[in-house]
Amino acid sequence: MSELANKKCVPCEDKTGKLESNKSTELLEELDKWKIIEDTHIEKTLQFVDFAAALAFINKVGEIAQKENHHPDIYLFSWNKVKFTLSTHSIKGLSENDFILAAKIDELAR
């Protein structure tokens, strides 16, 4: 399990501040095939064998997101593909929480 996946998300506020671009890039290197989009969010698309498998994975991610109190935007499309988008809305950008949850999604996908 990655170091990020072992961490817990912590509540963010406006005063927390967004991650610097170089820190986001550094954390991205610990993830599997996630992309930074406009320094505001990260995203990844996974493909599954069928609709049921995609939906089951979404539900597992939902359980993790509830425990972490950090929730991704989830888009199920083309019957077997799921795009996850992570951003910290309260700071209108990226926080370490986004990378922690992404690492937990990666672990689940393995």
PDB file of N, CA and C in Angstrom:
ATOM      1  N   MET A   1       0.847  -1.179   0.000  1.00  0.00           N
ATOM      2  CA  MET A   1       0.000   0.000   0.000  1.00  0.00           C
ATOM      3  C   MET A   1       0.893   1.242   0.000  1.00  0.00           C
ATOM      4  N   SER A   2       0.525   2.228  -0.772  1.00  0.00           N
ATOM      5  CA  SER A   2       1.329   3.445  -0.868  1.00  0.00           C
ATOM      6  C   SER A   2       1.233   4.275   0.401  1.00  0.00           C
ATOM      7  N   GLU A   3       2.212   5.128   0.588  1.00  0.00           N
ATOM      8  CA  GLU A   3       2.218   6.022   1.749  1.00  0.00           C
ATOM      9  C   GLU A   3       0.982   6.912   1.757  1.00  0.00           C
ATOM     10  N   LEU A   4       0.609   7.429   0.589  1.00  0.00           N
ATOM     11  CA  LEU A   4      -0.588   8.272   0.495  1.00  0.00           C
ATOM     12  C   LEU A   4      -1.847   7.501   0.876  1.00  0.00           C
ATOM     13  N   ALA A   5      -1.953   6.261   0.434  1.00  0.00           N
ATOM     14  CA  ALA A   5      -3.144   5.463   0.707  1.00  0.00           C
ATOM     15  C   ALA A   5      -3.298   5.160   2.197  1.00  0.00           C
ATOM     16  N   ASN A   6      -2.211   5.225   2.937  1.00  0.00           N
ATOM     17  CA  ASN A   6      -2.261   4.984   4.383  1.00  0.00           C
ATOM     18  C   ASN A   6      -2.693   6.211   5.174  1.00  0.00           C
ATOM     19  N   LYS A   7      -2.713   7.377   4.526  1.00  0.00           N
ATOM     20  CA  LYS A   7      -3.089   8.610   5.215  1.00  0.00           C
ATOM     21  C   LYS A   7      -4.600   8.744   5.287  1.00  0.00           C
ATOM     22  N   LYS A   8      -5.056   9.645   6.134  1.00  0.00           N
ATOM     23  CA  LYS A   8      -6.474   9.970   6.275  1.00  0.00           C
ATOM     24  C   LYS A   8      -6.714  11.395   5.782  1.00  0.00           C
ATOM     25  N   CYS A   9      -7.835  11.619   5.168  1.00  0.00           N
ATOM     26  CA  CYS A   9      -8.211  12.969   4.748  1.00  0.00           C
ATOM     27  C   CYS A   9      -8.540  13.797   5.988  1.00  0.00           C
ATOM     28  N   VAL A  10      -8.174  15.067   5.931  1.00  0.00           N
ATOM     29  CA  VAL A  10      -8.461  15.988   7.028  1.00  0.00           C
ATOM     30  C   VAL A  10      -9.321  17.127   6.495  1.00  0.00           C
ATOM     31  N   PRO A  11     -10.193  17.681   7.330  1.00  0.00           N
ATOM     32  CA  PRO A  11     -11.056  18.775   6.865  1.00  0.00           C
ATOM     33  C   PRO A  11     -10.240  19.960   6.336  1.00  0.00           C
ATOM     34  N   CYS A  12     -10.669  20.499   5.214  1.00  0.00           N
ATOM     35  CA  CYS A  12     -10.016  21.667   4.617  1.00  0.00           C
ATOM     36  C   CYS A  12     -10.922  22.880   4.750  1.00  0.00           C
ATOM     37  N   GLU A  13     -10.310  24.021   4.851  1.00  0.00           N
ATOM     38  CA  GLU A  13     -11.030  25.290   4.898  1.00  0.00           C
ATOM     39  C   GLU A  13     -10.328  26.258   3.968  1.00  0.00           C
ATOM     40  N   ASP A  14     -10.914  27.420   3.770  1.00  0.00           N
ATOM     41  CA  ASP A  14     -10.305  28.442   2.917  1.00  0.00           C
ATOM     42  C   ASP A  14      -8.873  28.740   3.339  1.00  0.00           C
ATOM     43  N   LYS A  15      -8.621  28.749   4.648  1.00  0.00           N
ATOM     44  CA  LYS A  15      -7.286  29.093   5.145  1.00  0.00           C
ATOM     45  C   LYS A  15      -6.257  27.994   4.881  1.00  0.00           C
ATOM     46  N   THR A  16      -6.729  26.777   4.533  1.00  0.00           N
ATOM     47  CA  THR A  16      -5.815  25.676   4.255  1.00  0.00           C
ATOM     48  C   THR A  16      -4.945  26.007   3.043  1.00  0.00           C
ATOM     49  N   GLY A  17      -5.537  26.584   2.042  1.00  0.00           N
ATOM     50  CA  GLY A  17      -4.806  26.951   0.833  1.00  0.00           C
ATOM     51  C   GLY A  17      -4.635  25.791  -0.126  1.00  0.00           C
ATOM     52  N   LYS A  18      -4.502  26.144  -1.385  1.00  0.00           N
ATOM     53  CA  LYS A  18      -4.301  25.158  -2.445  1.00  0.00           C
ATOM     54  C   LYS A  18      -2.854  24.688  -2.431  1.00  0.00           C
ATOM     55  N   LEU A  19      -2.655  23.475  -2.958  1.00  0.00           N
ATOM     56  CA  LEU A  19      -1.296  22.974  -3.113  1.00  0.00           C
ATOM     57  C   LEU A  19      -0.573  23.768  -4.196  1.00  0.00           C
ATOM     58  N   GLU A  20       0.704  23.996  -3.981  1.00  0.00           N
ATOM     59  CA  GLU A  20       1.540  24.596  -5.022  1.00  0.00           C
ATOM     60  C   GLU A  20       1.659  23.595  -6.171  1.00  0.00           C
ATOM     61  N   SER A  21       1.822  24.093  -7.378  1.00  0.00           N
ATOM     62  CA  SER A  21       1.896  23.253  -8.567  1.00  0.00           C
ATOM     63  C   SER A  21       2.984  22.191  -8.450  1.00  0.00           C
ATOM     64  N   ASN A  22       4.147  22.560  -7.915  1.00  0.00           N
ATOM     65  CA  ASN A  22       5.244  21.592  -7.809  1.00  0.00           C
ATOM     66  C   ASN A  22       4.911  20.483  -6.805  1.00  0.00           C
ATOM     67  N   LYS A  23       4.180  20.798  -5.735  1.00  0.00           N
ATOM     68  CA  LYS A  23       3.771  19.788  -4.758  1.00  0.00           C
ATOM     69  C   LYS A  23       2.733  18.852  -5.379  1.00  0.00           C
ATOM     70  N   SER A  24       1.814  19.403  -6.162  1.00  0.00           N
ATOM     71  CA  SER A  24       0.821  18.571  -6.847  1.00  0.00           C
ATOM     72  C   SER A  24       1.508  17.597  -7.804  1.00  0.00           C
ATOM     73  N   THR A  25       2.488  18.083  -8.538  1.00  0.00           N
ATOM     74  CA  THR A  25       3.230  17.237  -9.475  1.00  0.00           C
ATOM     75  C   THR A  25       3.974  16.137  -8.732  1.00  0.00           C
ATOM     76  N   GLU A  26       4.544  16.481  -7.600  1.00  0.00           N
ATOM     77  CA  GLU A  26       5.263  15.503  -6.770  1.00  0.00           C
ATOM     78  C   GLU A  26       4.309  14.406  -6.275  1.00  0.00           C
ATOM     79  N   LEU A  27       3.147  14.802  -5.784  1.00  0.00           N
ATOM     80  CA  LEU A  27       2.177  13.823  -5.295  1.00  0.00           C
ATOM     81  C   LEU A  27       1.600  12.979  -6.435  1.00  0.00           C
ATOM     82  N   LEU A  28       1.442  13.584  -7.599  1.00  0.00           N
ATOM     83  CA  LEU A  28       0.917  12.866  -8.761  1.00  0.00           C
ATOM     84  C   LEU A  28       1.805  11.679  -9.117  1.00  0.00           C
ATOM     85  N   GLU A  29       3.102  11.808  -8.905  1.00  0.00           N
ATOM     86  CA  GLU A  29       4.047  10.725  -9.216  1.00  0.00           C
ATOM     87  C   GLU A  29       3.794   9.480  -8.376  1.00  0.00           C
ATOM     88  N   GLU A  30       3.098   9.627  -7.258  1.00  0.00           N
ATOM     89  CA  GLU A  30       2.787   8.489  -6.395  1.00  0.00           C
ATOM     90  C   GLU A  30       1.521   7.761  -6.832  1.00  0.00           C
ATOM     91  N   LEU A  31       0.819   8.320  -7.813  1.00  0.00           N
ATOM     92  CA  LEU A  31      -0.444   7.752  -8.276  1.00  0.00           C
ATOM     93  C   LEU A  31      -0.265   7.016  -9.598  1.00  0.00           C
ATOM     94  N   ASP A  32      -1.275   6.219  -9.947  1.00  0.00           N
ATOM     95  CA  ASP A  32      -1.236   5.427 -11.168  1.00  0.00           C
ATOM     96  C   ASP A  32      -2.125   6.043 -12.249  1.00  0.00           C
ATOM     97  N   LYS A  33      -1.501   6.736 -13.184  1.00  0.00           N
ATOM     98  CA  LYS A  33      -2.168   7.260 -14.391  1.00  0.00           C
ATOM     99  C   LYS A  33      -3.249   8.313 -14.137  1.00  0.00           C
ATOM    100  N   TRP A  34      -3.137   9.067 -13.052  1.00  0.00           N
ATOM    101  CA  TRP A  34      -4.007  10.217 -12.838  1.00  0.00           C
ATOM    102  C   TRP A  34      -3.417  11.400 -13.581  1.00  0.00           C
ATOM    103  N   LYS A  35      -4.247  12.359 -13.942  1.00  0.00           N
ATOM    104  CA  LYS A  35      -3.805  13.560 -14.650  1.00  0.00           C
ATOM    105  C   LYS A  35      -4.254  14.793 -13.883  1.00  0.00           C
ATOM    106  N   ILE A  36      -3.380  15.789 -13.857  1.00  0.00           N
ATOM    107  CA  ILE A  36      -3.756  17.090 -13.301  1.00  0.00           C
ATOM    108  C   ILE A  36      -4.389  17.893 -14.425  1.00  0.00           C
ATOM    109  N   ILE A  37      -5.555  18.459 -14.168  1.00  0.00           N
ATOM    110  CA  ILE A  37      -6.266  19.268 -15.155  1.00  0.00           C
ATOM    111  C   ILE A  37      -6.310  20.709 -14.646  1.00  0.00           C
ATOM    112  N   GLU A  38      -5.651  21.586 -15.372  1.00  0.00           N
ATOM    113  CA  GLU A  38      -5.653  23.040 -15.108  1.00  0.00           C
ATOM    114  C   GLU A  38      -5.340  23.411 -13.655  1.00  0.00           C
ATOM    115  N   ASP A  39      -4.533  22.603 -12.972  1.00  0.00           N
ATOM    116  CA  ASP A  39      -4.177  22.853 -11.565  1.00  0.00           C
ATOM    117  C   ASP A  39      -5.382  22.985 -10.645  1.00  0.00           C
ATOM    118  N   THR A  40      -6.548  22.514 -11.097  1.00  0.00           N
ATOM    119  CA  THR A  40      -7.753  22.629 -10.268  1.00  0.00           C
ATOM    120  C   THR A  40      -8.288  21.282  -9.814  1.00  0.00           C
ATOM    121  N   HIS A  41      -7.987  20.215 -10.561  1.00  0.00           N
ATOM    122  CA  HIS A  41      -8.474  18.893 -10.192  1.00  0.00           C
ATOM    123  C   HIS A  41      -7.615  17.806 -10.819  1.00  0.00           C
ATOM    124  N   ILE A  42      -7.781  16.596 -10.315  1.00  0.00           N
ATOM    125  CA  ILE A  42      -7.134  15.438 -10.924  1.00  0.00           C
ATOM    126  C   ILE A  42      -8.232  14.489 -11.387  1.00  0.00           C
ATOM    127  N   GLU A  43      -7.912  13.709 -12.413  1.00  0.00           N
ATOM    128  CA  GLU A  43      -8.906  12.773 -12.907  1.00  0.00           C
ATOM    129  C   GLU A  43      -8.259  11.523 -13.473  1.00  0.00           C
ATOM    130  N   LYS A  44      -9.073  10.485 -13.501  1.00  0.00           N
ATOM    131  CA  LYS A  44      -8.640   9.192 -14.028  1.00  0.00           C
ATOM    132  C   LYS A  44      -9.872   8.458 -14.527  1.00  0.00           C
ATOM    133  N   THR A  45      -9.718   7.729 -15.635  1.00  0.00           N
ATOM    134  CA  THR A  45     -10.791   6.902 -16.169  1.00  0.00           C
ATOM    135  C   THR A  45     -10.372   5.441 -16.092  1.00  0.00           C
ATOM    136  N   LEU A  46     -11.271   4.620 -15.592  1.00  0.00           N
ATOM    137  CA  LEU A  46     -11.053   3.178 -15.516  1.00  0.00           C
ATOM    138  C   LEU A  46     -12.073   2.475 -16.398  1.00  0.00           C
ATOM    139  N   GLN A  47     -11.670   1.348 -16.960  1.00  0.00           N
ATOM    140  CA  GLN A  47     -12.571   0.542 -17.781  1.00  0.00           C
ATOM    141  C   GLN A  47     -12.776  -0.809 -17.111  1.00  0.00           C
ATOM    142  N   PHE A  48     -14.013  -1.286 -17.114  1.00  0.00           N
ATOM    143  CA  PHE A  48     -14.370  -2.535 -16.464  1.00  0.00           C
ATOM    144  C   PHE A  48     -14.930  -3.521 -17.482  1.00  0.00           C
ATOM    145  N   VAL A  49     -15.077  -4.777 -17.074  1.00  0.00           N
ATOM    146  CA  VAL A  49     -15.555  -5.795 -18.015  1.00  0.00           C
ATOM    147  C   VAL A  49     -17.013  -5.596 -18.407  1.00  0.00           C
ATOM    148  N   ASP A  50     -17.795  -5.005 -17.504  1.00  0.00           N
ATOM    149  CA  ASP A  50     -19.197  -4.770 -17.824  1.00  0.00           C
ATOM    150  C   ASP A  50     -19.776  -3.701 -16.898  1.00  0.00           C
ATOM    151  N   PHE A  51     -21.028  -3.375 -17.118  1.00  0.00           N
ATOM    152  CA  PHE A  51     -21.716  -2.345 -16.334  1.00  0.00           C
ATOM    153  C   PHE A  51     -21.750  -2.705 -14.848  1.00  0.00           C
ATOM    154  N   ALA A  52     -22.059  -3.967 -14.551  1.00  0.00           N
ATOM    155  CA  ALA A  52     -22.183  -4.396 -13.154  1.00  0.00           C
ATOM    156  C   ALA A  52     -20.864  -4.221 -12.404  1.00  0.00           C
ATOM    157  N   ALA A  53     -19.759  -4.560 -13.043  1.00  0.00           N
ATOM    158  CA  ALA A  53     -18.439  -4.412 -12.400  1.00  0.00           C
ATOM    159  C   ALA A  53     -18.120  -2.941 -12.168  1.00  0.00           C
ATOM    160  N   ALA A  54     -18.455  -2.098 -13.135  1.00  0.00           N
ATOM    161  CA  ALA A  54     -18.225  -0.650 -12.985  1.00  0.00           C
ATOM    162  C   ALA A  54     -19.041  -0.098 -11.827  1.00  0.00           C
ATOM    163  N   LEU A  55     -20.289  -0.493 -11.747  1.00  0.00           N
ATOM    164  CA  LEU A  55     -21.169  -0.017 -10.684  1.00  0.00           C
ATOM    165  C   LEU A  55     -20.714  -0.525  -9.312  1.00  0.00           C
ATOM    166  N   ALA A  56     -20.280  -1.769  -9.244  1.00  0.00           N
ATOM    167  CA  ALA A  56     -19.789  -2.331  -7.981  1.00  0.00           C
ATOM    168  C   ALA A  56     -18.559  -1.563  -7.500  1.00  0.00           C
ATOM    169  N   PHE A  57     -17.677  -1.200  -8.430  1.00  0.00           N
ATOM    170  CA  PHE A  57     -16.480  -0.442  -8.070  1.00  0.00           C
ATOM    171  C   PHE A  57     -16.859   0.944  -7.558  1.00  0.00           C
ATOM    172  N   ILE A  58     -17.803   1.575  -8.231  1.00  0.00           N
ATOM    173  CA  ILE A  58     -18.280   2.896  -7.792  1.00  0.00           C
ATOM    174  C   ILE A  58     -18.800   2.817  -6.355  1.00  0.00           C
ATOM    175  N   ASN A  59     -19.545   1.784  -6.045  1.00  0.00           N
ATOM    176  CA  ASN A  59     -20.085   1.638  -4.693  1.00  0.00           C
ATOM    177  C   ASN A  59     -18.979   1.457  -3.656  1.00  0.00           C
ATOM    178  N   LYS A  60     -17.931   0.717  -4.005  1.00  0.00           N
ATOM    179  CA  LYS A  60     -16.793   0.546  -3.086  1.00  0.00           C
ATOM    180  C   LYS A  60     -16.069   1.867  -2.870  1.00  0.00           C
ATOM    181  N   VAL A  61     -15.899   2.631  -3.941  1.00  0.00           N
ATOM    182  CA  VAL A  61     -15.277   3.957  -3.819  1.00  0.00           C
ATOM    183  C   VAL A  61     -16.161   4.851  -2.950  1.00  0.00           C
ATOM    184  N   GLY A  62     -17.464   4.744  -3.117  1.00  0.00           N
ATOM    185  CA  GLY A  62     -18.396   5.529  -2.308  1.00  0.00           C
ATOM    186  C   GLY A  62     -18.239   5.257  -0.823  1.00  0.00           C
ATOM    187  N   GLU A  63     -18.018   4.003  -0.459  1.00  0.00           N
ATOM    188  CA  GLU A  63     -17.805   3.647   0.952  1.00  0.00           C
ATOM    189  C   GLU A  63     -16.534   4.298   1.492  1.00  0.00           C
ATOM    190  N   ILE A  64     -15.481   4.243   0.706  1.00  0.00           N
ATOM    191  CA  ILE A  64     -14.213   4.861   1.118  1.00  0.00           C
ATOM    192  C   ILE A  64     -14.387   6.367   1.239  1.00  0.00           C
ATOM    193  N   ALA A  65     -15.039   6.968   0.254  1.00  0.00           N
ATOM    194  CA  ALA A  65     -15.243   8.419   0.258  1.00  0.00           C
ATOM    195  C   ALA A  65     -16.032   8.858   1.492  1.00  0.00           C
ATOM    196  N   GLN A  66     -17.042   8.081   1.872  1.00  0.00           N
ATOM    197  CA  GLN A  66     -17.823   8.411   3.066  1.00  0.00           C
ATOM    198  C   GLN A  66     -16.949   8.359   4.312  1.00  0.00           C
ATOM    199  N   LYS A  67     -16.117   7.314   4.427  1.00  0.00           N
ATOM    200  CA  LYS A  67     -15.228   7.182   5.589  1.00  0.00           C
ATOM    201  C   LYS A  67     -14.240   8.333   5.664  1.00  0.00           C
ATOM    202  N   GLU A  68     -13.763   8.772   4.500  1.00  0.00           N
ATOM    203  CA  GLU A  68     -12.765   9.844   4.445  1.00  0.00           C
ATOM    204  C   GLU A  68     -13.402  11.227   4.481  1.00  0.00           C
ATOM    205  N   ASN A  69     -14.712  11.284   4.289  1.00  0.00           N
ATOM    206  CA  ASN A  69     -15.436  12.551   4.189  1.00  0.00           C
ATOM    207  C   ASN A  69     -14.830  13.454   3.102  1.00  0.00           C
ATOM    208  N   HIS A  70     -14.483  12.813   2.002  1.00  0.00           N
ATOM    209  CA  HIS A  70     -13.951  13.523   0.831  1.00  0.00           C
ATOM    210  C   HIS A  70     -14.514  12.787  -0.382  1.00  0.00           C
ATOM    211  N   HIS A  71     -15.285  13.473  -1.202  1.00  0.00           N
ATOM    212  CA  HIS A  71     -16.105  12.804  -2.204  1.00  0.00           C
ATOM    213  C   HIS A  71     -15.721  13.201  -3.629  1.00  0.00           C
ATOM    214  N   PRO A  72     -15.476  12.204  -4.481  1.00  0.00           N
ATOM    215  CA  PRO A  72     -15.150  12.490  -5.876  1.00  0.00           C
ATOM    216  C   PRO A  72     -16.405  12.758  -6.695  1.00  0.00           C
ATOM    217  N   ASP A  73     -16.220  13.414  -7.814  1.00  0.00           N
ATOM    218  CA  ASP A  73     -17.262  13.438  -8.833  1.00  0.00           C
ATOM    219  C   ASP A  73     -17.064  12.144  -9.624  1.00  0.00           C
ATOM    220  N   ILE A  74     -18.148  11.444  -9.884  1.00  0.00           N
ATOM    221  CA  ILE A  74     -18.075  10.144 -10.544  1.00  0.00           C
ATOM    222  C   ILE A  74     -18.992  10.167 -11.763  1.00  0.00           C
ATOM    223  N   TYR A  75     -18.440   9.728 -12.891  1.00  0.00           N
ATOM    224  CA  TYR A  75     -19.190   9.720 -14.145  1.00  0.00           C
ATOM    225  C   TYR A  75     -19.077   8.332 -14.776  1.00  0.00           C
ATOM    226  N   LEU A  76     -20.180   7.598 -14.843  1.00  0.00           N
ATOM    227  CA  LEU A  76     -20.240   6.285 -15.474  1.00  0.00           C
ATOM    228  C   LEU A  76     -20.732   6.482 -16.903  1.00  0.00           C
ATOM    229  N   PHE A  77     -19.958   6.015 -17.863  1.00  0.00           N
ATOM    230  CA  PHE A  77     -20.325   6.220 -19.263  1.00  0.00           C
ATOM    231  C   PHE A  77     -19.913   5.024 -20.118  1.00  0.00           C
ATOM    232  N   SER A  78     -20.451   4.951 -21.326  1.00  0.00           N
ATOM    233  CA  SER A  78     -20.161   3.871 -22.279  1.00  0.00           C
ATOM    234  C   SER A  78     -20.306   2.494 -21.650  1.00  0.00           C
ATOM    235  N   TRP A  79     -21.220   2.333 -20.754  1.00  0.00           N
ATOM    236  CA  TRP A  79     -21.621   1.107 -20.055  1.00  0.00           C
ATOM    237  C   TRP A  79     -20.558   0.439 -19.207  1.00  0.00           C
ATOM    238  N   ASN A  80     -19.262   0.754 -19.387  1.00  0.00           N
ATOM    239  CA  ASN A  80     -18.237   0.072 -18.586  1.00  0.00           C
ATOM    240  C   ASN A  80     -17.051   0.968 -18.213  1.00  0.00           C
ATOM    241  N   LYS A  81     -17.187   2.263 -18.376  1.00  0.00           N
ATOM    242  CA  LYS A  81     -16.096   3.184 -18.052  1.00  0.00           C
ATOM    243  C   LYS A  81     -16.545   4.138 -16.954  1.00  0.00           C
ATOM    244  N   VAL A  82     -15.602   4.445 -16.061  1.00  0.00           N
ATOM    245  CA  VAL A  82     -15.893   5.347 -14.958  1.00  0.00           C
ATOM    246  C   VAL A  82     -14.778   6.382 -14.865  1.00  0.00           C
ATOM    247  N   LYS A  83     -15.180   7.655 -14.872  1.00  0.00           N
ATOM    248  CA  LYS A  83     -14.211   8.742 -14.686  1.00  0.00           C
ATOM    249  C   LYS A  83     -14.396   9.305 -13.284  1.00  0.00           C
ATOM    250  N   PHE A  84     -13.279   9.392 -12.560  1.00  0.00           N
ATOM    251  CA  PHE A  84     -13.260   9.987 -11.233  1.00  0.00           C
ATOM    252  C   PHE A  84     -12.560  11.329 -11.326  1.00  0.00           C
ATOM    253  N   THR A  85     -13.169  12.346 -10.755  1.00  0.00           N
ATOM    254  CA  THR A  85     -12.582  13.681 -10.703  1.00  0.00           C
ATOM    255  C   THR A  85     -12.519  14.102  -9.241  1.00  0.00           C
ATOM    256  N   LEU A  86     -11.333  14.552  -8.829  1.00  0.00           N
ATOM    257  CA  LEU A  86     -11.119  14.969  -7.445  1.00  0.00           C
ATOM    258  C   LEU A  86     -10.629  16.402  -7.386  1.00  0.00           C
ATOM    259  N   SER A  87     -11.263  17.169  -6.512  1.00  0.00           N
ATOM    260  CA  SER A  87     -10.902  18.552  -6.254  1.00  0.00           C
ATOM    261  C   SER A  87     -11.440  18.892  -4.877  1.00  0.00           C
ATOM    262  N   THR A  88     -10.807  19.839  -4.212  1.00  0.00           N
ATOM    263  CA  THR A  88     -11.298  20.259  -2.906  1.00  0.00           C
ATOM    264  C   THR A  88     -12.099  21.534  -3.111  1.00  0.00           C
ATOM    265  N   HIS A  89     -13.405  21.396  -3.089  1.00  0.00           N
ATOM    266  CA  HIS A  89     -14.299  22.501  -3.429  1.00  0.00           C
ATOM    267  C   HIS A  89     -14.146  23.700  -2.500  1.00  0.00           C
ATOM    268  N   SER A  90     -13.888  23.449  -1.221  1.00  0.00           N
ATOM    269  CA  SER A  90     -13.816  24.552  -0.256  1.00  0.00           C
ATOM    270  C   SER A  90     -12.641  25.497  -0.531  1.00  0.00           C
ATOM    271  N   ILE A  91     -11.604  24.984  -1.211  1.00  0.00           N
ATOM    272  CA  ILE A  91     -10.454  25.841  -1.539  1.00  0.00           C
ATOM    273  C   ILE A  91     -10.347  26.099  -3.042  1.00  0.00           C
ATOM    274  N   LYS A  92     -11.301  25.550  -3.780  1.00  0.00           N
ATOM    275  CA  LYS A  92     -11.354  25.730  -5.240  1.00  0.00           C
ATOM    276  C   LYS A  92     -10.045  25.319  -5.923  1.00  0.00           C
ATOM    277  N   GLY A  93      -9.554  24.157  -5.514  1.00  0.00           N
ATOM    278  CA  GLY A  93      -8.315  23.651  -6.098  1.00  0.00           C
ATOM    279  C   GLY A  93      -7.942  22.314  -5.487  1.00  0.00           C
ATOM    280  N   LEU A  94      -6.667  21.983  -5.571  1.00  0.00           N
ATOM    281  CA  LEU A  94      -6.182  20.698  -5.095  1.00  0.00           C
ATOM    282  C   LEU A  94      -5.623  20.782  -3.684  1.00  0.00           C
ATOM    283  N   SER A  95      -5.957  19.776  -2.889  1.00  0.00           N
ATOM    284  CA  SER A  95      -5.370  19.614  -1.561  1.00  0.00           C
ATOM    285  C   SER A  95      -4.786  18.206  -1.490  1.00  0.00           C
ATOM    286  N   GLU A  96      -4.058  17.937  -0.436  1.00  0.00           N
ATOM    287  CA  GLU A  96      -3.504  16.597  -0.271  1.00  0.00           C
ATOM    288  C   GLU A  96      -4.623  15.558  -0.203  1.00  0.00           C
ATOM    289  N   ASN A  97      -5.793  15.936   0.297  1.00  0.00           N
ATOM    290  CA  ASN A  97      -6.924  15.006   0.370  1.00  0.00           C
ATOM    291  C   ASN A  97      -7.255  14.392  -0.981  1.00  0.00           C
ATOM    292  N   ASP A  98      -7.154  15.171  -2.033  1.00  0.00           N
ATOM    293  CA  ASP A  98      -7.462  14.668  -3.370  1.00  0.00           C
ATOM    294  C   ASP A  98      -6.514  13.534  -3.753  1.00  0.00           C
ATOM    295  N   PHE A  99      -5.263  13.690  -3.411  1.00  0.00           N
ATOM    296  CA  PHE A  99      -4.262  12.684  -3.737  1.00  0.00           C
ATOM    297  C   PHE A  99      -4.382  11.464  -2.827  1.00  0.00           C
ATOM    298  N   ILE A 100      -4.774  11.685  -1.584  1.00  0.00           N
ATOM    299  CA  ILE A 100      -5.005  10.571  -0.659  1.00  0.00           C
ATOM    300  C   ILE A 100      -6.145   9.700  -1.179  1.00  0.00           C
ATOM    301  N   LEU A 101      -7.268  10.320  -1.533  1.00  0.00           N
ATOM    302  CA  LEU A 101      -8.397   9.540  -2.034  1.00  0.00           C
ATOM    303  C   LEU A 101      -8.058   8.870  -3.362  1.00  0.00           C
ATOM    304  N   ALA A 102      -7.316   9.541  -4.218  1.00  0.00           N
ATOM    305  CA  ALA A 102      -6.886   8.934  -5.489  1.00  0.00           C
ATOM    306  C   ALA A 102      -6.037   7.690  -5.221  1.00  0.00           C
ATOM    307  N   ALA A 103      -5.149   7.764  -4.248  1.00  0.00           N
ATOM    308  CA  ALA A 103      -4.306   6.607  -3.903  1.00  0.00           C
ATOM    309  C   ALA A 103      -5.160   5.453  -3.382  1.00  0.00           C
ATOM    310  N   LYS A 104      -6.184   5.772  -2.614  1.00  0.00           N
ATOM    311  CA  LYS A 104      -7.078   4.732  -2.107  1.00  0.00           C
ATOM    312  C   LYS A 104      -7.872   4.099  -3.257  1.00  0.00           C
ATOM    313  N   ILE A 105      -8.260   4.892  -4.249  1.00  0.00           N
ATOM    314  CA  ILE A 105      -8.941   4.363  -5.435  1.00  0.00           C
ATOM    315  C   ILE A 105      -7.983   3.459  -6.205  1.00  0.00           C
ATOM    316  N   ASP A 106      -6.732   3.888  -6.338  1.00  0.00           N
ATOM    317  CA  ASP A 106      -5.726   3.045  -7.008  1.00  0.00           C
ATOM    318  C   ASP A 106      -5.574   1.702  -6.308  1.00  0.00           C
ATOM    319  N   GLU A 107      -5.488   1.724  -4.978  1.00  0.00           N
ATOM    320  CA  GLU A 107      -5.352   0.483  -4.204  1.00  0.00           C
ATOM    321  C   GLU A 107      -6.545  -0.435  -4.449  1.00  0.00           C
ATOM    322  N   LEU A 108      -7.723   0.123  -4.471  1.00  0.00           N
ATOM    323  CA  LEU A 108      -8.933  -0.652  -4.704  1.00  0.00           C
ATOM    324  C   LEU A 108      -8.932  -1.277  -6.119  1.00  0.00           C
ATOM    325  N   ALA A 109      -8.394  -0.549  -7.070  1.00  0.00           N
ATOM    326  CA  ALA A 109      -8.371  -1.022  -8.461  1.00  0.00           C
ATOM    327  C   ALA A 109      -7.347  -2.148  -8.686  1.00  0.00           C
ATOM    328  N   ARG A 110      -6.389  -2.250  -7.780  1.00  0.00           N
ATOM    329  CA  ARG A 110      -5.344  -3.290  -7.964  1.00  0.00           C
ATOM    330  C   ARG A 110      -5.872  -4.659  -7.738  1.00  0.00           C
TER     331      ARG A 110
END
